[in-house]
Amino acid sequence: MQIEKKYYTVQDSETLKLMFQHIQESEVIAVDTETSGLNPRKNIIVGWSISGDEGVGFYIPTQVWNFDKGVLELQTIDGTSTETISKNLLKALIGKKLVFHNASFDVQFIKNYFGVDLLPDVWVDTGLLVHTVYEEGAFGFGNPFGLKSIAIMNQEALGLNVEEAANQEQIELKESIKKNGGSVTKESFEIYKADLGILSKYASADTDLTLRICNLYLGKLREEGLEKFFFEDEVMPIYREVTVPMEA
């Protein structure tokens, strides 16, 4: 069954209220960040997205590329910077069951940039969840534990034509970055130079996919009788308490 997608770019108070309401009403929330680079100590977050329901995504831009001036510019909603707004929204995520794909990357960025530590609330890392249930991951579909590869391997179960959508999104994103004079190499992928509408849709689609994969594989985890091993005995406790602090 195809679920209608509702993706929002948060740039006004009405959409902001919707996003806050979505956080309040959701128990399990997928989170993702878009950054200016890969170093959490020197690069910045240009925006971040959430999804607490399949088919729904919110992207709030904090810094948007000004094409005339050639600089990233801080965004505001009704006179308040979206960085300040983001800090308050991220604090509202504390106590929720948070889902990430490669949580270490996002929680380090969020802590360094916004001063909010979400590590204790990381409930599921979807890469680890897939690995626990299916050790080889999406072998033969690209990066075995990449979000898109896992989604393509499970696209029938997810009710999506992920392969087509992912290719289309990636092409659209890269073309937009290049059109705006940005770099799309592996070493320097200037995602923030994409048109905001395209970047927002791409970010929301990622959190939506993360949540769908989480829901699908939690069912498989239960079937295999691995819930206690994953949540209590080994996988997530070691990741939160050892792996992420060690990487940091």
Protein backbone atom coordinates (compact mmCIF):
# COMPACT_ATOMS: atom_id res chain seq x y z
CA MET A 1 0.00 0.00 0.00
CA GLN A 2 1.38 3.39 -1.01
CA ILE A 3 1.29 5.98 1.79
CA GLU A 4 0.76 9.56 0.67
CA LYS A 5 3.88 11.60 1.43
CA LYS A 6 3.50 14.87 3.32
CA TYR A 7 6.80 16.69 3.55
CA TYR A 8 7.09 20.19 5.03
CA THR A 9 9.76 22.91 4.94
CA VAL A 10 9.57 24.80 8.23
CA GLN A 11 9.92 28.51 7.42
CA ASP A 12 6.87 30.08 9.10
CA SER A 13 5.13 29.93 12.47
CA GLU A 14 2.22 27.78 11.21
CA THR A 15 4.47 24.98 9.93
CA LEU A 16 6.62 25.32 13.04
CA LYS A 17 3.54 24.71 15.21
CA LEU A 18 2.76 21.63 13.10
CA MET A 19 6.30 20.31 13.60
CA PHE A 20 6.16 20.88 17.38
CA GLN A 21 2.75 19.18 17.56
CA HIS A 22 4.14 16.26 15.53
CA ILE A 23 7.00 15.88 18.06
CA GLN A 24 4.59 16.01 21.01
CA GLU A 25 2.25 13.42 19.51
CA SER A 26 4.96 10.95 18.41
CA GLU A 27 6.63 8.43 20.70
CA VAL A 28 9.15 7.11 18.13
CA ILE A 29 10.86 9.76 15.96
CA ALA A 30 13.46 9.40 13.22
CA VAL A 31 16.02 12.24 13.12
CA ASP A 32 18.62 13.29 10.53
CA THR A 33 20.94 16.25 10.04
CA GLU A 34 22.19 17.98 6.89
CA THR A 35 25.66 19.47 7.37
CA SER A 36 28.24 21.62 5.58
CA GLY A 37 30.80 18.80 5.83
CA LEU A 38 31.75 15.63 7.70
CA ASN A 39 33.70 17.07 10.65
CA PRO A 40 31.45 17.64 13.71
CA ARG A 41 34.10 19.87 15.30
CA LYS A 42 34.39 22.41 12.50
CA ASN A 43 31.43 21.97 10.12
CA ILE A 44 27.92 23.21 10.80
CA ILE A 45 24.34 21.93 10.62
CA VAL A 46 22.47 23.64 7.79
CA GLY A 47 19.17 21.96 8.68
CA TRP A 48 17.64 18.85 10.20
CA SER A 49 14.59 16.69 9.69
CA ILE A 50 12.24 14.44 11.65
CA SER A 51 9.58 11.84 10.95
CA GLY A 52 7.30 10.38 13.61
CA ASP A 53 4.88 8.81 11.17
CA GLU A 54 5.45 6.98 7.88
CA GLY A 55 4.93 9.34 4.96
CA VAL A 56 5.43 12.49 7.07
CA GLY A 57 8.60 14.59 7.23
CA PHE A 58 9.57 18.03 8.53
CA TYR A 59 12.78 19.83 7.52
CA ILE A 60 13.86 22.98 9.36
CA PRO A 61 16.66 24.94 7.65
CA THR A 62 19.04 26.74 10.01
CA GLN A 63 21.46 28.13 7.40
CA VAL A 64 20.50 28.68 3.75
CA TRP A 65 22.91 29.49 0.91
CA ASN A 66 22.54 33.04 -0.40
CA PHE A 67 23.30 32.67 -4.12
CA ASP A 68 23.88 36.42 -4.66
CA LYS A 69 26.32 36.86 -1.77
CA GLY A 70 27.84 33.36 -1.93
CA VAL A 71 27.47 32.74 1.83
CA LEU A 72 25.36 30.68 4.21
CA GLU A 73 22.82 32.84 6.00
CA LEU A 74 21.13 32.21 9.34
CA GLN A 75 17.34 31.80 9.00
CA THR A 76 14.66 33.35 11.20
CA ILE A 77 10.97 32.73 11.89
CA ASP A 78 9.10 35.79 13.23
CA GLY A 79 12.38 37.41 14.27
CA THR A 80 13.80 34.37 16.13
CA SER A 81 16.73 32.49 14.62
CA THR A 82 16.00 28.92 13.56
CA GLU A 83 19.11 27.91 15.54
CA THR A 84 17.44 29.07 18.77
CA ILE A 85 14.17 27.44 17.65
CA SER A 86 16.07 24.23 16.83
CA LYS A 87 17.60 24.07 20.33
CA ASN A 88 14.11 24.18 21.85
CA LEU A 89 12.72 21.61 19.39
CA LEU A 90 15.67 19.27 19.99
CA LYS A 91 15.13 19.55 23.76
CA ALA A 92 11.54 18.45 23.12
CA LEU A 93 12.98 15.22 21.63
CA ILE A 94 14.55 14.27 24.98
CA GLY A 95 12.63 11.36 26.45
CA LYS A 96 11.38 10.17 23.05
CA LYS A 97 12.49 6.95 21.37
CA LEU A 98 14.85 8.33 18.73
CA VAL A 99 15.82 6.51 15.55
CA PHE A 100 18.88 7.39 13.46
CA HIS A 101 20.79 5.89 10.58
CA ASN A 102 24.43 6.26 11.72
CA ALA A 103 23.47 7.93 15.01
CA SER A 104 27.10 8.62 15.96
CA PHE A 105 27.41 11.21 13.19
CA ASP A 106 24.17 13.05 13.94
CA VAL A 107 24.33 13.08 17.76
CA GLN A 108 27.91 14.37 17.70
CA PHE A 109 26.93 17.19 15.32
CA ILE A 110 23.81 18.06 17.37
CA LYS A 111 25.79 18.12 20.63
CA ASN A 112 28.66 20.19 19.21
CA TYR A 113 26.46 22.63 17.26
CA PHE A 114 23.32 23.01 19.38
CA GLY A 115 24.61 21.89 22.78
CA VAL A 116 21.85 19.27 23.10
CA ASP A 117 22.90 15.71 23.97
CA LEU A 118 20.49 13.19 22.43
CA LEU A 119 22.76 10.15 22.88
CA PRO A 120 20.86 8.75 25.93
CA ASP A 121 17.65 8.84 23.84
CA VAL A 122 19.03 6.95 20.82
CA TRP A 123 16.65 3.97 20.79
CA VAL A 124 17.52 2.41 17.42
CA ASP A 125 20.32 2.81 14.92
CA THR A 126 18.86 1.30 11.75
CA GLY A 127 22.26 0.19 10.41
CA LEU A 128 22.82 -1.87 13.58
CA LEU A 129 19.21 -3.09 13.56
CA VAL A 130 19.57 -4.47 10.03
CA HIS A 131 22.97 -6.00 10.87
CA THR A 132 21.52 -7.77 13.93
CA VAL A 133 18.74 -9.40 11.91
CA TYR A 134 20.56 -9.88 8.61
CA GLU A 135 24.33 -9.89 9.00
CA GLU A 136 25.19 -9.33 5.31
CA GLY A 137 22.96 -6.25 5.09
CA ALA A 138 21.98 -5.14 1.61
CA PHE A 139 24.90 -6.96 -0.01
CA GLY A 140 24.66 -6.61 -3.81
CA PHE A 141 22.54 -3.44 -3.61
CA GLY A 142 25.36 -0.95 -3.03
CA ASN A 143 26.80 -0.05 0.38
CA PRO A 144 25.50 -3.04 2.45
CA PHE A 145 24.50 -0.82 5.37
CA GLY A 146 23.68 2.39 3.48
CA LEU A 147 20.16 3.72 4.01
CA LYS A 148 19.24 3.67 0.31
CA SER A 149 20.71 0.19 -0.29
CA ILE A 150 18.71 -1.27 2.60
CA ALA A 151 15.59 0.50 1.36
CA ILE A 152 16.06 -0.79 -2.21
CA MET A 153 16.51 -4.36 -0.92
CA ASN A 154 13.20 -4.03 0.98
CA GLN A 155 11.28 -1.76 -1.38
CA GLU A 156 8.40 -4.19 -1.90
CA ALA A 157 7.87 -4.61 1.86
CA LEU A 158 8.19 -0.83 2.31
CA GLY A 159 5.54 -0.16 -0.33
CA LEU A 160 7.85 2.16 -2.25
CA ASN A 161 9.67 2.20 -5.53
CA VAL A 162 12.81 3.25 -3.66
CA GLU A 163 15.28 2.51 -6.42
CA GLU A 164 13.55 4.84 -8.85
CA ALA A 165 12.85 7.49 -6.19
CA ALA A 166 16.38 7.35 -4.75
CA ASN A 167 18.00 7.66 -8.17
CA GLN A 168 15.65 10.50 -9.07
CA GLU A 169 16.28 12.33 -5.76
CA GLN A 170 20.06 11.89 -6.04
CA ILE A 171 20.11 13.11 -9.66
CA GLU A 172 17.82 16.04 -8.83
CA LEU A 173 19.94 16.98 -5.80
CA LYS A 174 23.28 16.76 -7.63
CA GLU A 175 21.98 18.68 -10.65
CA SER A 176 20.68 21.44 -8.37
CA ILE A 177 24.02 21.68 -6.50
CA LYS A 178 26.01 21.78 -9.77
CA LYS A 179 23.62 24.33 -11.34
CA ASN A 180 24.27 26.56 -8.33
CA GLY A 181 28.06 26.21 -8.62
CA GLY A 182 28.52 23.63 -5.86
CA SER A 183 30.78 20.60 -5.63
CA VAL A 184 29.38 17.04 -5.63
CA THR A 185 32.56 15.02 -5.06
CA LYS A 186 32.81 12.49 -2.23
CA GLU A 187 35.44 14.68 -0.52
CA SER A 188 33.39 17.87 -0.86
CA PHE A 189 29.64 17.39 -1.25
CA GLU A 190 28.15 20.88 -0.89
CA ILE A 191 24.57 19.78 -0.19
CA TYR A 192 23.67 23.24 1.14
CA LYS A 193 24.02 24.69 -2.38
CA ALA A 194 20.98 22.75 -3.61
CA ASP A 195 17.72 24.67 -4.05
CA LEU A 196 15.97 24.67 -0.66
CA GLY A 197 12.85 22.88 -1.92
CA ILE A 198 14.94 20.02 -3.34
CA LEU A 199 17.15 19.75 -0.22
CA SER A 200 14.10 19.78 2.05
CA LYS A 201 12.36 16.99 0.14
CA TYR A 202 15.57 14.93 0.12
CA ALA A 203 16.04 15.38 3.90
CA SER A 204 12.42 14.52 4.76
CA ALA A 205 12.54 11.46 2.49
CA ASP A 206 15.62 10.22 4.40
CA THR A 207 13.94 10.43 7.82
CA ASP A 208 10.74 8.91 6.44
CA LEU A 209 12.80 6.00 5.01
CA THR A 210 14.70 5.58 8.29
CA LEU A 211 11.43 5.25 10.21
CA ARG A 212 9.97 2.79 7.66
CA ILE A 213 13.10 0.60 7.82
CA CYS A 214 13.02 0.73 11.63
CA ASN A 215 9.37 -0.41 11.72
CA LEU A 216 9.99 -3.19 9.18
CA TYR A 217 13.07 -4.60 10.93
CA LEU A 218 11.61 -4.36 14.45
CA GLY A 219 9.09 -6.95 13.22
CA LYS A 220 11.94 -9.16 11.96
CA LEU A 221 13.82 -8.66 15.27
CA ARG A 222 10.76 -9.91 17.18
CA GLU A 223 10.38 -12.91 14.85
CA GLU A 224 14.03 -13.87 15.48
CA GLY A 225 13.64 -13.44 19.26
CA LEU A 226 16.48 -10.91 19.32
CA GLU A 227 14.77 -7.97 21.05
CA LYS A 228 16.47 -8.43 24.44
CA PHE A 229 19.88 -8.95 22.76
CA PHE A 230 19.42 -5.76 20.70
CA PHE A 231 17.85 -3.42 23.26
CA GLU A 232 19.15 -4.64 26.63
CA ASP A 233 22.03 -7.12 26.50
CA GLU A 234 24.39 -5.92 23.83
CA VAL A 235 23.83 -3.93 20.64
CA MET A 236 22.30 -0.58 21.62
CA PRO A 237 23.74 -0.32 25.17
CA ILE A 238 27.29 -0.92 23.87
CA TYR A 239 26.73 1.52 20.99
CA ARG A 240 25.50 4.29 23.33
CA GLU A 241 27.92 3.69 26.18
CA VAL A 242 31.11 2.62 24.35
CA THR A 243 31.12 3.07 20.56
CA VAL A 244 29.80 6.64 20.19
CA PRO A 245 31.84 8.12 23.10
CA MET A 246 34.93 6.34 21.74
CA GLU A 247 34.36 7.78 18.25
CA ALA A 248 33.82 11.24 19.75
